Amino acid sequence: MSRLIRTAALLAALGVLPLLAGCSELTGKASAEQGPDGLGDPDSPFWVDTRSPAAAQLRQWQREGRGKDAATLRRIARQPVALWPSGKDAGATVRAATRAAQKADRTAVFVAYHIPHRDCGQHSAGGAEDAAAYQRWIWSFAEGIGDRRALVVLEPDAVGHNVDGCTPQQYHRERYELLRAAIGRLKQQPHTRVYLDAGNPGWLKDPARLAGPLRSAGIGRADGFALNVANFQSTAVNREYGHRLSRMLGGKHFVIDTSRNGLGPLTGNRREGWCNPPGRALGRPPTTATGDALVDAYLWIKRPGESDGACRGGPAAGTWWPDYALGLARRAA
């Protein structure tokens, strides 16, 4: 399948445009409502949140006369980044975002990150208190989407932590059941695409270790899997890894988080190379034009400029950190 046809097919699935007879060219309705400061890429199918911390910071720096820093931060503020709804009820956040995205004729990107026993009690510990609470949460999430367009990356690290033994064995079966149910519920929404997280090449180096667990988690009903969420592995390495894993999963497609992989991972034997590593840079902006028949999109799933956790002088996980954001943007190609 040519890149043009593959891209048209994905855009049609996202609801951005119909499949074109012959696919001679791609056209789409550009939004006139991409927000203040000229935020937003009219060629992207994904929604830009003009009230994100990056956008708010940009406007603050403009008011303070920090024009150079504001111009640099535009590299983050003008791009579509995933929303990570939090709290016991995700519905209101998801509903507001999908309505705004619909108004702009775009697709909202989300991360569902609320599985019980999340992150093995580490920097991003938390999640639902039990299986019943998680089911209520994911049901609310799906209802918030409704019949609007959405792309959901499902539960970063959930399968990987089962595989590497971080999550205690007694929780494995429940986790797979919850993930299967979550995929099934989200796929009831007519314009929702779901990508189940599959870690990154620097973590579980042999993708064969993931194939069986991903099947147990319901990958067959998902649109594909997600790689490199909140990590720094290069796009080329992720593509090679993804192709290997895809062959084990019957040709499943995948998406890659390119939010902070512009210079690849931190090298050398350094502890916690994934947690606020210094000297990193933004990667390729979000797009469906990947040039790879199996890669549906490059996405900014981790929100660049938000901390990985309380390490290397950073604030709590998910907290906006303007100095780190500015560094990522300055080092971007």
C-alpha atoms as a PDB file:
ATOM      1  CA  MET A   1       0.000   0.000   0.000  1.00  0.00           C
ATOM      2  CA  SER A   2       1.439   3.382  -0.948  1.00  0.00           C
ATOM      3  CA  ARG A   3       2.058   6.038   1.694  1.00  0.00           C
ATOM      4  CA  LEU A   4      -0.633   8.247   0.152  1.00  0.00           C
ATOM      5  CA  ILE A   5      -3.280   5.521   0.236  1.00  0.00           C
ATOM      6  CA  ARG A   6      -2.275   4.403   3.745  1.00  0.00           C
ATOM      7  CA  THR A   7      -2.467   7.970   5.030  1.00  0.00           C
ATOM      8  CA  ALA A   8      -5.861   8.495   3.400  1.00  0.00           C
ATOM      9  CA  ALA A   9      -7.130   5.287   4.979  1.00  0.00           C
ATOM     10  CA  LEU A  10      -6.078   6.378   8.467  1.00  0.00           C
ATOM     11  CA  LEU A  11      -7.524   9.849   8.055  1.00  0.00           C
ATOM     12  CA  ALA A  12     -10.794   8.303   6.906  1.00  0.00           C
ATOM     13  CA  ALA A  13     -10.799   6.013   9.941  1.00  0.00           C
ATOM     14  CA  LEU A  14     -10.231   9.017  12.173  1.00  0.00           C
ATOM     15  CA  GLY A  15     -13.156  10.686  10.451  1.00  0.00           C
ATOM     16  CA  VAL A  16     -11.098  13.564   9.075  1.00  0.00           C
ATOM     17  CA  LEU A  17     -12.017  12.954   5.435  1.00  0.00           C
ATOM     18  CA  PRO A  18     -13.676  10.269   3.365  1.00  0.00           C
ATOM     19  CA  LEU A  19     -11.658   7.773   1.364  1.00  0.00           C
ATOM     20  CA  LEU A  20     -11.086   9.355  -2.004  1.00  0.00           C
ATOM     21  CA  ALA A  21     -11.729   7.417  -5.180  1.00  0.00           C
ATOM     22  CA  GLY A  22      -8.312   6.878  -6.707  1.00  0.00           C
ATOM     23  CA  CYS A  23      -6.682   8.833  -3.824  1.00  0.00           C
ATOM     24  CA  SER A  24      -5.284  11.358  -6.269  1.00  0.00           C
ATOM     25  CA  GLU A  25      -4.864  13.920  -3.512  1.00  0.00           C
ATOM     26  CA  LEU A  26      -5.667  14.472   0.123  1.00  0.00           C
ATOM     27  CA  THR A  27      -7.876  17.336   1.106  1.00  0.00           C
ATOM     28  CA  GLY A  28      -9.241  18.268   4.481  1.00  0.00           C
ATOM     29  CA  LYS A  29     -11.220  21.018   6.085  1.00  0.00           C
ATOM     30  CA  ALA A  30      -8.786  23.359   7.787  1.00  0.00           C
ATOM     31  CA  SER A  31      -9.994  24.711  11.084  1.00  0.00           C
ATOM     32  CA  ALA A  32     -10.432  28.426  11.473  1.00  0.00           C
ATOM     33  CA  GLU A  33     -10.553  27.959  15.241  1.00  0.00           C
ATOM     34  CA  GLN A  34      -7.082  26.799  16.208  1.00  0.00           C
ATOM     35  CA  GLY A  35      -6.944  29.327  18.998  1.00  0.00           C
ATOM     36  CA  PRO A  36      -5.017  32.486  19.866  1.00  0.00           C
ATOM     37  CA  ASP A  37      -1.363  33.032  18.964  1.00  0.00           C
ATOM     38  CA  GLY A  38      -1.805  31.109  15.722  1.00  0.00           C
ATOM     39  CA  LEU A  39      -1.606  27.803  17.581  1.00  0.00           C
ATOM     40  CA  GLY A  40      -2.283  24.699  15.569  1.00  0.00           C
ATOM     41  CA  ASP A  41      -1.207  23.096  12.318  1.00  0.00           C
ATOM     42  CA  PRO A  42      -3.951  23.281   9.673  1.00  0.00           C
ATOM     43  CA  ASP A  43      -2.579  20.114   8.030  1.00  0.00           C
ATOM     44  CA  SER A  44      -2.789  17.964  11.175  1.00  0.00           C
ATOM     45  CA  PRO A  45      -5.845  15.799  11.864  1.00  0.00           C
ATOM     46  CA  PHE A  46      -5.255  16.124  15.618  1.00  0.00           C
ATOM     47  CA  TRP A  47      -6.683  18.714  17.992  1.00  0.00           C
ATOM     48  CA  VAL A  48      -4.510  21.351  19.674  1.00  0.00           C
ATOM     49  CA  ASP A  49      -5.472  22.249  23.245  1.00  0.00           C
ATOM     50  CA  THR A  50      -5.060  26.024  23.336  1.00  0.00           C
ATOM     51  CA  ARG A  51      -5.452  26.015  27.126  1.00  0.00           C
ATOM     52  CA  SER A  52      -2.595  23.597  27.766  1.00  0.00           C
ATOM     53  CA  PRO A  53       0.138  24.542  30.260  1.00  0.00           C
ATOM     54  CA  ALA A  54       2.501  25.157  27.337  1.00  0.00           C
ATOM     55  CA  ALA A  55       0.057  27.542  25.665  1.00  0.00           C
ATOM     56  CA  ALA A  56      -0.587  29.347  28.943  1.00  0.00           C
ATOM     57  CA  GLN A  57       3.151  29.665  29.556  1.00  0.00           C
ATOM     58  CA  LEU A  58       3.689  31.054  26.067  1.00  0.00           C
ATOM     59  CA  ARG A  59       1.103  33.745  26.642  1.00  0.00           C
ATOM     60  CA  GLN A  60       2.575  34.600  30.031  1.00  0.00           C
ATOM     61  CA  TRP A  61       6.052  34.999  28.574  1.00  0.00           C
ATOM     62  CA  GLN A  62       4.655  37.160  25.797  1.00  0.00           C
ATOM     63  CA  ARG A  63       3.067  39.452  28.393  1.00  0.00           C
ATOM     64  CA  GLU A  64       6.334  39.579  30.331  1.00  0.00           C
ATOM     65  CA  GLY A  65       8.317  40.527  27.234  1.00  0.00           C
ATOM     66  CA  ARG A  66      10.180  37.210  27.006  1.00  0.00           C
ATOM     67  CA  GLY A  67       9.678  37.121  23.259  1.00  0.00           C
ATOM     68  CA  LYS A  68      12.596  34.836  22.446  1.00  0.00           C
ATOM     69  CA  ASP A  69      11.574  32.214  24.992  1.00  0.00           C
ATOM     70  CA  ALA A  70       7.946  32.461  23.893  1.00  0.00           C
ATOM     71  CA  ALA A  71       8.935  31.923  20.270  1.00  0.00           C
ATOM     72  CA  THR A  72      10.932  28.849  21.259  1.00  0.00           C
ATOM     73  CA  LEU A  73       8.087  27.444  23.350  1.00  0.00           C
ATOM     74  CA  ARG A  74       5.756  27.678  20.352  1.00  0.00           C
ATOM     75  CA  ARG A  75       7.415  24.448  19.207  1.00  0.00           C
ATOM     76  CA  ILE A  76       5.444  22.750  21.973  1.00  0.00           C
ATOM     77  CA  ALA A  77       2.405  24.993  22.398  1.00  0.00           C
ATOM     78  CA  ARG A  78       1.298  24.815  18.765  1.00  0.00           C
ATOM     79  CA  GLN A  79       1.368  21.016  18.593  1.00  0.00           C
ATOM     80  CA  PRO A  80      -1.380  18.525  19.474  1.00  0.00           C
ATOM     81  CA  VAL A  81      -0.490  16.609  22.624  1.00  0.00           C
ATOM     82  CA  ALA A  82      -2.419  13.856  24.367  1.00  0.00           C
ATOM     83  CA  LEU A  83      -4.665  14.561  27.323  1.00  0.00           C
ATOM     84  CA  TRP A  84      -4.310  12.320  30.387  1.00  0.00           C
ATOM     85  CA  PRO A  85      -7.645  12.574  32.245  1.00  0.00           C
ATOM     86  CA  SER A  86      -7.286  12.100  35.989  1.00  0.00           C
ATOM     87  CA  GLY A  87      -9.554  11.755  38.974  1.00  0.00           C
ATOM     88  CA  LYS A  88     -12.319   9.308  39.757  1.00  0.00           C
ATOM     89  CA  ASP A  89     -14.494  10.412  36.827  1.00  0.00           C
ATOM     90  CA  ALA A  90     -12.875  11.004  33.451  1.00  0.00           C
ATOM     91  CA  GLY A  91     -16.097  11.761  31.624  1.00  0.00           C
ATOM     92  CA  ALA A  92     -16.247  15.518  32.040  1.00  0.00           C
ATOM     93  CA  THR A  93     -12.660  16.081  30.864  1.00  0.00           C
ATOM     94  CA  VAL A  94     -13.053  13.773  27.879  1.00  0.00           C
ATOM     95  CA  ARG A  95     -16.404  15.259  26.907  1.00  0.00           C
ATOM     96  CA  ALA A  96     -15.090  18.825  26.974  1.00  0.00           C
ATOM     97  CA  ALA A  97     -12.039  17.932  24.903  1.00  0.00           C
ATOM     98  CA  THR A  98     -13.903  15.940  22.262  1.00  0.00           C
ATOM     99  CA  ARG A  99     -16.475  18.691  21.901  1.00  0.00           C
ATOM    100  CA  ALA A 100     -13.727  21.262  21.385  1.00  0.00           C
ATOM    101  CA  ALA A 101     -12.003  18.956  18.908  1.00  0.00           C
ATOM    102  CA  GLN A 102     -15.251  18.385  17.028  1.00  0.00           C
ATOM    103  CA  LYS A 103     -15.774  22.145  16.754  1.00  0.00           C
ATOM    104  CA  ALA A 104     -12.286  22.438  15.258  1.00  0.00           C
ATOM    105  CA  ASP A 105     -12.927  19.425  12.963  1.00  0.00           C
ATOM    106  CA  ARG A 106     -10.072  17.520  14.586  1.00  0.00           C
ATOM    107  CA  THR A 107      -9.455  14.277  16.477  1.00  0.00           C
ATOM    108  CA  ALA A 108      -8.690  14.438  20.203  1.00  0.00           C
ATOM    109  CA  VAL A 109      -5.852  12.233  21.497  1.00  0.00           C
ATOM    110  CA  PHE A 110      -6.075  10.747  24.995  1.00  0.00           C
ATOM    111  CA  VAL A 111      -4.204   8.461  27.337  1.00  0.00           C
ATOM    112  CA  ALA A 112      -6.265   6.213  29.600  1.00  0.00           C
ATOM    113  CA  TYR A 113      -3.972   5.726  32.606  1.00  0.00           C
ATOM    114  CA  HIS A 114      -5.883   4.551  35.637  1.00  0.00           C
ATOM    115  CA  ILE A 115      -5.318   0.798  35.970  1.00  0.00           C
ATOM    116  CA  PRO A 116      -5.240  -0.503  39.572  1.00  0.00           C
ATOM    117  CA  HIS A 117      -1.723  -0.904  41.060  1.00  0.00           C
ATOM    118  CA  ARG A 118      -0.398   1.513  38.444  1.00  0.00           C
ATOM    119  CA  ASP A 119       3.372   1.952  38.011  1.00  0.00           C
ATOM    120  CA  CYS A 120       4.162  -0.580  40.776  1.00  0.00           C
ATOM    121  CA  GLY A 121       4.116   2.153  43.419  1.00  0.00           C
ATOM    122  CA  GLN A 122       6.810   4.242  41.695  1.00  0.00           C
ATOM    123  CA  HIS A 123       6.736   7.892  40.517  1.00  0.00           C
ATOM    124  CA  SER A 124       3.300   7.611  38.864  1.00  0.00           C
ATOM    125  CA  ALA A 125       1.685   5.344  41.451  1.00  0.00           C
ATOM    126  CA  GLY A 126      -2.055   5.542  41.848  1.00  0.00           C
ATOM    127  CA  GLY A 127      -4.906   4.530  39.619  1.00  0.00           C
ATOM    128  CA  ALA A 128      -8.279   3.043  40.461  1.00  0.00           C
ATOM    129  CA  GLU A 129      -8.712   1.549  43.908  1.00  0.00           C
ATOM    130  CA  ASP A 130     -10.053  -1.723  42.532  1.00  0.00           C
ATOM    131  CA  ALA A 131     -11.441  -3.439  39.424  1.00  0.00           C
ATOM    132  CA  ALA A 132     -14.961  -2.128  39.912  1.00  0.00           C
ATOM    133  CA  ALA A 133     -13.712   1.459  40.222  1.00  0.00           C
ATOM    134  CA  TYR A 134     -11.653   1.042  37.044  1.00  0.00           C
ATOM    135  CA  GLN A 135     -14.619  -0.257  35.105  1.00  0.00           C
ATOM    136  CA  ARG A 136     -16.689   2.743  36.182  1.00  0.00           C
ATOM    137  CA  TRP A 137     -13.856   5.038  35.165  1.00  0.00           C
ATOM    138  CA  ILE A 138     -13.381   3.561  31.696  1.00  0.00           C
ATOM    139  CA  TRP A 139     -17.149   3.498  31.112  1.00  0.00           C
ATOM    140  CA  SER A 140     -17.282   7.198  31.958  1.00  0.00           C
ATOM    141  CA  PHE A 141     -14.307   7.796  29.661  1.00  0.00           C
ATOM    142  CA  ALA A 142     -16.060   6.088  26.744  1.00  0.00           C
ATOM    143  CA  GLU A 143     -19.330   7.909  27.383  1.00  0.00           C
ATOM    144  CA  GLY A 144     -17.401  11.186  27.360  1.00  0.00           C
ATOM    145  CA  ILE A 145     -16.190  10.431  23.835  1.00  0.00           C
ATOM    146  CA  GLY A 146     -19.673   9.668  22.553  1.00  0.00           C
ATOM    147  CA  ASP A 147     -19.842   9.633  18.768  1.00  0.00           C
ATOM    148  CA  ARG A 148     -17.034  12.175  18.394  1.00  0.00           C
ATOM    149  CA  ARG A 149     -13.569  11.342  17.031  1.00  0.00           C
ATOM    150  CA  ALA A 150     -10.887  10.168  19.444  1.00  0.00           C
ATOM    151  CA  LEU A 151      -7.638   8.232  19.557  1.00  0.00           C
ATOM    152  CA  VAL A 152      -6.915   6.523  22.876  1.00  0.00           C
ATOM    153  CA  VAL A 153      -3.585   5.124  24.043  1.00  0.00           C
ATOM    154  CA  LEU A 154      -4.531   2.541  26.635  1.00  0.00           C
ATOM    155  CA  GLU A 155      -2.680   2.093  29.926  1.00  0.00           C
ATOM    156  CA  PRO A 156       1.037   2.818  29.515  1.00  0.00           C
ATOM    157  CA  ASP A 157       3.241   0.189  31.197  1.00  0.00           C
ATOM    158  CA  ALA A 158       0.304  -2.025  32.226  1.00  0.00           C
ATOM    159  CA  VAL A 159       1.254  -4.997  30.045  1.00  0.00           C
ATOM    160  CA  GLY A 160       4.986  -4.343  30.319  1.00  0.00           C
ATOM    161  CA  HIS A 161       4.896  -4.405  34.114  1.00  0.00           C
ATOM    162  CA  ASN A 162       3.130  -7.758  34.002  1.00  0.00           C
ATOM    163  CA  VAL A 163       5.889  -9.052  31.742  1.00  0.00           C
ATOM    164  CA  ASP A 164       8.863  -7.742  33.710  1.00  0.00           C
ATOM    165  CA  GLY A 165       7.446  -8.929  37.034  1.00  0.00           C
ATOM    166  CA  CYS A 166       7.055  -5.474  38.567  1.00  0.00           C
ATOM    167  CA  THR A 167       3.320  -6.030  39.017  1.00  0.00           C
ATOM    168  CA  PRO A 168       2.740  -8.877  41.510  1.00  0.00           C
ATOM    169  CA  GLN A 169       1.557 -12.117  39.946  1.00  0.00           C
ATOM    170  CA  GLN A 170      -1.752 -12.122  41.823  1.00  0.00           C
ATOM    171  CA  TYR A 171      -2.887  -9.070  39.865  1.00  0.00           C
ATOM    172  CA  HIS A 172      -1.996 -10.304  36.362  1.00  0.00           C
ATOM    173  CA  ARG A 173      -5.228 -12.082  35.487  1.00  0.00           C
ATOM    174  CA  GLU A 174      -7.378  -9.207  36.683  1.00  0.00           C
ATOM    175  CA  ARG A 175      -5.285  -6.721  34.737  1.00  0.00           C
ATOM    176  CA  TYR A 176      -5.668  -8.634  31.479  1.00  0.00           C
ATOM    177  CA  GLU A 177      -9.416  -8.893  32.059  1.00  0.00           C
ATOM    178  CA  LEU A 178      -9.679  -5.162  32.710  1.00  0.00           C
ATOM    179  CA  LEU A 179      -7.677  -4.303  29.598  1.00  0.00           C
ATOM    180  CA  ARG A 180      -9.804  -6.577  27.412  1.00  0.00           C
ATOM    181  CA  ALA A 181     -12.958  -5.023  28.819  1.00  0.00           C
ATOM    182  CA  ALA A 182     -11.578  -1.496  28.349  1.00  0.00           C
ATOM    183  CA  ILE A 183     -10.770  -2.130  24.690  1.00  0.00           C
ATOM    184  CA  GLY A 184     -14.197  -3.627  24.124  1.00  0.00           C
ATOM    185  CA  ARG A 185     -15.937  -0.683  25.790  1.00  0.00           C
ATOM    186  CA  LEU A 186     -13.954   1.990  23.989  1.00  0.00           C
ATOM    187  CA  LYS A 187     -14.465   0.292  20.630  1.00  0.00           C
ATOM    188  CA  GLN A 188     -18.217   0.583  21.098  1.00  0.00           C
ATOM    189  CA  GLN A 189     -17.754   4.260  20.304  1.00  0.00           C
ATOM    190  CA  PRO A 190     -18.105   4.561  16.518  1.00  0.00           C
ATOM    191  CA  HIS A 191     -15.177   6.906  15.850  1.00  0.00           C
ATOM    192  CA  THR A 192     -12.636   5.820  18.473  1.00  0.00           C
ATOM    193  CA  ARG A 193      -9.308   4.195  17.714  1.00  0.00           C
ATOM    194  CA  VAL A 194      -7.530   2.320  20.503  1.00  0.00           C
ATOM    195  CA  TYR A 195      -3.808   1.521  20.763  1.00  0.00           C
ATOM    196  CA  LEU A 196      -2.710  -0.731  23.618  1.00  0.00           C
ATOM    197  CA  ASP A 197       0.623   0.230  25.156  1.00  0.00           C
ATOM    198  CA  ALA A 198       3.522  -2.121  24.373  1.00  0.00           C
ATOM    199  CA  GLY A 199       6.423  -0.444  26.169  1.00  0.00           C
ATOM    200  CA  ASN A 200       9.595   0.551  24.352  1.00  0.00           C
ATOM    201  CA  PRO A 201      12.624  -1.158  22.789  1.00  0.00           C
ATOM    202  CA  GLY A 202      14.951  -0.116  25.586  1.00  0.00           C
ATOM    203  CA  TRP A 203      12.853  -1.866  28.221  1.00  0.00           C
ATOM    204  CA  LEU A 204      11.713  -5.281  26.970  1.00  0.00           C
ATOM    205  CA  LYS A 205      14.333  -5.786  24.311  1.00  0.00           C
ATOM    206  CA  ASP A 206      12.833  -8.989  22.876  1.00  0.00           C
ATOM    207  CA  PRO A 207       9.357  -8.228  21.497  1.00  0.00           C
ATOM    208  CA  ALA A 208       8.502 -11.918  21.625  1.00  0.00           C
ATOM    209  CA  ARG A 209       8.074 -11.490  25.379  1.00  0.00           C
ATOM    210  CA  LEU A 210       5.175  -9.118  24.721  1.00  0.00           C
ATOM    211  CA  ALA A 211       3.236 -10.937  22.011  1.00  0.00           C
ATOM    212  CA  GLY A 212       1.412 -13.415  24.236  1.00  0.00           C
ATOM    213  CA  PRO A 213       0.623 -10.913  27.004  1.00  0.00           C
ATOM    214  CA  LEU A 214      -0.706  -8.413  24.455  1.00  0.00           C
ATOM    215  CA  ARG A 215      -3.010 -11.085  23.081  1.00  0.00           C
ATOM    216  CA  SER A 216      -4.154 -11.849  26.628  1.00  0.00           C
ATOM    217  CA  ALA A 217      -4.887  -8.141  27.063  1.00  0.00           C
ATOM    218  CA  GLY A 218      -7.129  -8.038  23.987  1.00  0.00           C
ATOM    219  CA  ILE A 219      -4.887  -6.597  21.283  1.00  0.00           C
ATOM    220  CA  GLY A 220      -6.962  -8.460  18.709  1.00  0.00           C
ATOM    221  CA  ARG A 221      -9.863  -6.042  19.206  1.00  0.00           C
ATOM    222  CA  ALA A 222      -7.681  -2.919  19.375  1.00  0.00           C
ATOM    223  CA  ASP A 223      -6.575  -0.923  16.349  1.00  0.00           C
ATOM    224  CA  GLY A 224      -2.956  -1.580  17.255  1.00  0.00           C
ATOM    225  CA  PHE A 225      -0.291  -0.919  19.865  1.00  0.00           C
ATOM    226  CA  ALA A 226       1.682   2.098  21.080  1.00  0.00           C
ATOM    227  CA  LEU A 227       5.447   2.324  21.524  1.00  0.00           C
ATOM    228  CA  ASN A 228       7.823   4.641  23.380  1.00  0.00           C
ATOM    229  CA  VAL A 229       5.214   6.322  25.578  1.00  0.00           C
ATOM    230  CA  ALA A 230       7.041   8.794  27.850  1.00  0.00           C
ATOM    231  CA  ASN A 231      10.383   7.409  26.675  1.00  0.00           C
ATOM    232  CA  PHE A 232      13.230   8.591  24.483  1.00  0.00           C
ATOM    233  CA  GLN A 233      14.082   5.736  22.110  1.00  0.00           C
ATOM    234  CA  SER A 234      14.708   6.906  18.547  1.00  0.00           C
ATOM    235  CA  THR A 235      12.017   6.687  15.913  1.00  0.00           C
ATOM    236  CA  ALA A 236      14.113   4.351  13.772  1.00  0.00           C
ATOM    237  CA  VAL A 237      14.642   1.922  16.658  1.00  0.00           C
ATOM    238  CA  ASN A 238      10.941   1.990  17.482  1.00  0.00           C
ATOM    239  CA  ARG A 239       9.962   1.316  13.893  1.00  0.00           C
ATOM    240  CA  GLU A 240      12.224  -1.716  13.654  1.00  0.00           C
ATOM    241  CA  TYR A 241      10.965  -3.057  16.980  1.00  0.00           C
ATOM    242  CA  GLY A 242       7.358  -2.376  16.033  1.00  0.00           C
ATOM    243  CA  HIS A 243       7.695  -4.272  12.774  1.00  0.00           C
ATOM    244  CA  ARG A 244       9.049  -7.291  14.605  1.00  0.00           C
ATOM    245  CA  LEU A 245       6.227  -7.205  17.133  1.00  0.00           C
ATOM    246  CA  SER A 246       3.618  -6.621  14.425  1.00  0.00           C
ATOM    247  CA  ARG A 247       4.660  -9.817  12.619  1.00  0.00           C
ATOM    248  CA  MET A 248       3.925 -11.739  15.832  1.00  0.00           C
ATOM    249  CA  LEU A 249       0.494 -10.105  16.108  1.00  0.00           C
ATOM    250  CA  GLY A 250      -0.848 -10.738  12.627  1.00  0.00           C
ATOM    251  CA  GLY A 251       0.247  -7.436  11.128  1.00  0.00           C
ATOM    252  CA  LYS A 252      -1.108  -5.059  13.754  1.00  0.00           C
ATOM    253  CA  HIS A 253      -0.395  -1.374  13.147  1.00  0.00           C
ATOM    254  CA  PHE A 254       1.172   0.897  15.746  1.00  0.00           C
ATOM    255  CA  VAL A 255       1.833   4.493  16.810  1.00  0.00           C
ATOM    256  CA  ILE A 256       5.060   5.950  18.203  1.00  0.00           C
ATOM    257  CA  ASP A 257       5.515   8.623  20.842  1.00  0.00           C
ATOM    258  CA  THR A 258       8.003  11.085  19.324  1.00  0.00           C
ATOM    259  CA  SER A 259       7.447  13.846  21.880  1.00  0.00           C
ATOM    260  CA  ARG A 260      10.979  13.818  23.338  1.00  0.00           C
ATOM    261  CA  ASN A 261      13.072  11.468  21.210  1.00  0.00           C
ATOM    262  CA  GLY A 262      14.754  14.035  18.956  1.00  0.00           C
ATOM    263  CA  LEU A 263      18.203  13.163  20.331  1.00  0.00           C
ATOM    264  CA  GLY A 264      17.417   9.619  21.415  1.00  0.00           C
ATOM    265  CA  PRO A 265      17.847   8.260  24.944  1.00  0.00           C
ATOM    266  CA  LEU A 266      20.401   9.265  27.537  1.00  0.00           C
ATOM    267  CA  THR A 267      23.492   7.149  26.905  1.00  0.00           C
ATOM    268  CA  GLY A 268      25.837   5.550  29.391  1.00  0.00           C
ATOM    269  CA  ASN A 269      25.171   3.553  32.519  1.00  0.00           C
ATOM    270  CA  ARG A 270      23.019   6.129  34.259  1.00  0.00           C
ATOM    271  CA  ARG A 271      20.299   5.400  36.768  1.00  0.00           C
ATOM    272  CA  GLU A 272      16.753   6.318  35.799  1.00  0.00           C
ATOM    273  CA  GLY A 273      17.594   7.337  32.256  1.00  0.00           C
ATOM    274  CA  TRP A 274      13.848   7.600  31.603  1.00  0.00           C
ATOM    275  CA  CYS A 275      13.171  10.131  34.372  1.00  0.00           C
ATOM    276  CA  ASN A 276      13.740  13.763  33.336  1.00  0.00           C
ATOM    277  CA  PRO A 277      17.029  12.975  31.570  1.00  0.00           C
ATOM    278  CA  PRO A 278      19.075  16.075  30.733  1.00  0.00           C
ATOM    279  CA  GLY A 279      19.953  17.169  27.220  1.00  0.00           C
ATOM    280  CA  ARG A 280      16.946  15.693  25.423  1.00  0.00           C
ATOM    281  CA  ALA A 281      14.984  17.301  22.582  1.00  0.00           C
ATOM    282  CA  LEU A 282      11.576  17.325  20.963  1.00  0.00           C
ATOM    283  CA  GLY A 283      11.084  14.727  18.258  1.00  0.00           C
ATOM    284  CA  ARG A 284       9.113  14.786  15.043  1.00  0.00           C
ATOM    285  CA  PRO A 285       5.801  16.658  15.365  1.00  0.00           C
ATOM    286  CA  PRO A 286       2.575  14.647  15.375  1.00  0.00           C
ATOM    287  CA  THR A 287       1.551  13.451  11.930  1.00  0.00           C
ATOM    288  CA  THR A 288      -0.061  10.601  10.059  1.00  0.00           C
ATOM    289  CA  ALA A 289       2.445  11.004   7.211  1.00  0.00           C
ATOM    290  CA  THR A 290       4.922   8.462   8.592  1.00  0.00           C
ATOM    291  CA  GLY A 291       6.094   6.904   5.343  1.00  0.00           C
ATOM    292  CA  ASP A 292       5.584   3.464   6.887  1.00  0.00           C
ATOM    293  CA  ALA A 293       2.609   1.243   6.086  1.00  0.00           C
ATOM    294  CA  LEU A 294       2.463  -0.089   9.650  1.00  0.00           C
ATOM    295  CA  VAL A 295       2.995   3.166  11.545  1.00  0.00           C
ATOM    296  CA  ASP A 296      -0.349   4.914  11.738  1.00  0.00           C
ATOM    297  CA  ALA A 297       0.981   8.067  13.382  1.00  0.00           C
ATOM    298  CA  TYR A 298       3.765   9.784  15.239  1.00  0.00           C
ATOM    299  CA  LEU A 299       2.171  11.328  18.321  1.00  0.00           C
ATOM    300  CA  TRP A 300       3.164  13.458  21.270  1.00  0.00           C
ATOM    301  CA  ILE A 301       1.708  11.130  23.881  1.00  0.00           C
ATOM    302  CA  LYS A 302       3.858  12.257  26.781  1.00  0.00           C
ATOM    303  CA  ARG A 303       3.218  15.957  27.163  1.00  0.00           C
ATOM    304  CA  PRO A 304       6.655  17.557  26.622  1.00  0.00           C
ATOM    305  CA  GLY A 305       7.527  19.827  29.498  1.00  0.00           C
ATOM    306  CA  GLU A 306       5.598  17.840  32.096  1.00  0.00           C
ATOM    307  CA  SER A 307       7.792  16.084  34.637  1.00  0.00           C
ATOM    308  CA  ASP A 308       8.400  12.333  34.701  1.00  0.00           C
ATOM    309  CA  GLY A 309       8.579  12.421  38.486  1.00  0.00           C
ATOM    310  CA  ALA A 310      10.436  13.871  41.453  1.00  0.00           C
ATOM    311  CA  CYS A 311      13.906  13.158  40.114  1.00  0.00           C
ATOM    312  CA  ARG A 312      16.783  15.362  38.866  1.00  0.00           C
ATOM    313  CA  GLY A 313      15.209  18.372  40.519  1.00  0.00           C
ATOM    314  CA  GLY A 314      11.857  17.911  38.832  1.00  0.00           C
ATOM    315  CA  PRO A 315       8.408  18.304  40.376  1.00  0.00           C
ATOM    316  CA  ALA A 316       5.881  15.495  40.841  1.00  0.00           C
ATOM    317  CA  ALA A 317       4.989  13.379  37.822  1.00  0.00           C
ATOM    318  CA  GLY A 318       2.733  15.201  35.376  1.00  0.00           C
ATOM    319  CA  THR A 319       3.530  18.679  36.725  1.00  0.00           C
ATOM    320  CA  TRP A 320       4.382  21.394  34.200  1.00  0.00           C
ATOM    321  CA  TRP A 321       8.103  22.274  34.329  1.00  0.00           C
ATOM    322  CA  PRO A 322       8.804  25.294  32.092  1.00  0.00           C
ATOM    323  CA  ASP A 323      12.597  25.122  32.292  1.00  0.00           C
ATOM    324  CA  TYR A 324      12.647  21.518  31.099  1.00  0.00           C
ATOM    325  CA  ALA A 325      10.140  22.361  28.366  1.00  0.00           C
ATOM    326  CA  LEU A 326      12.294  25.218  27.147  1.00  0.00           C
ATOM    327  CA  GLY A 327      15.339  22.947  27.010  1.00  0.00           C
ATOM    328  CA  LEU A 328      13.483  20.357  24.931  1.00  0.00           C
ATOM    329  CA  ALA A 329      12.360  23.037  22.504  1.00  0.00           C
ATOM    330  CA  ARG A 330      15.741  24.753  22.220  1.00  0.00           C
ATOM    331  CA  ARG A 331      17.483  21.512  21.314  1.00  0.00           C
ATOM    332  CA  ALA A 332      14.896  20.474  18.715  1.00  0.00           C
ATOM    333  CA  ALA A 333      16.126  20.255  15.149  1.00  0.00           C
END
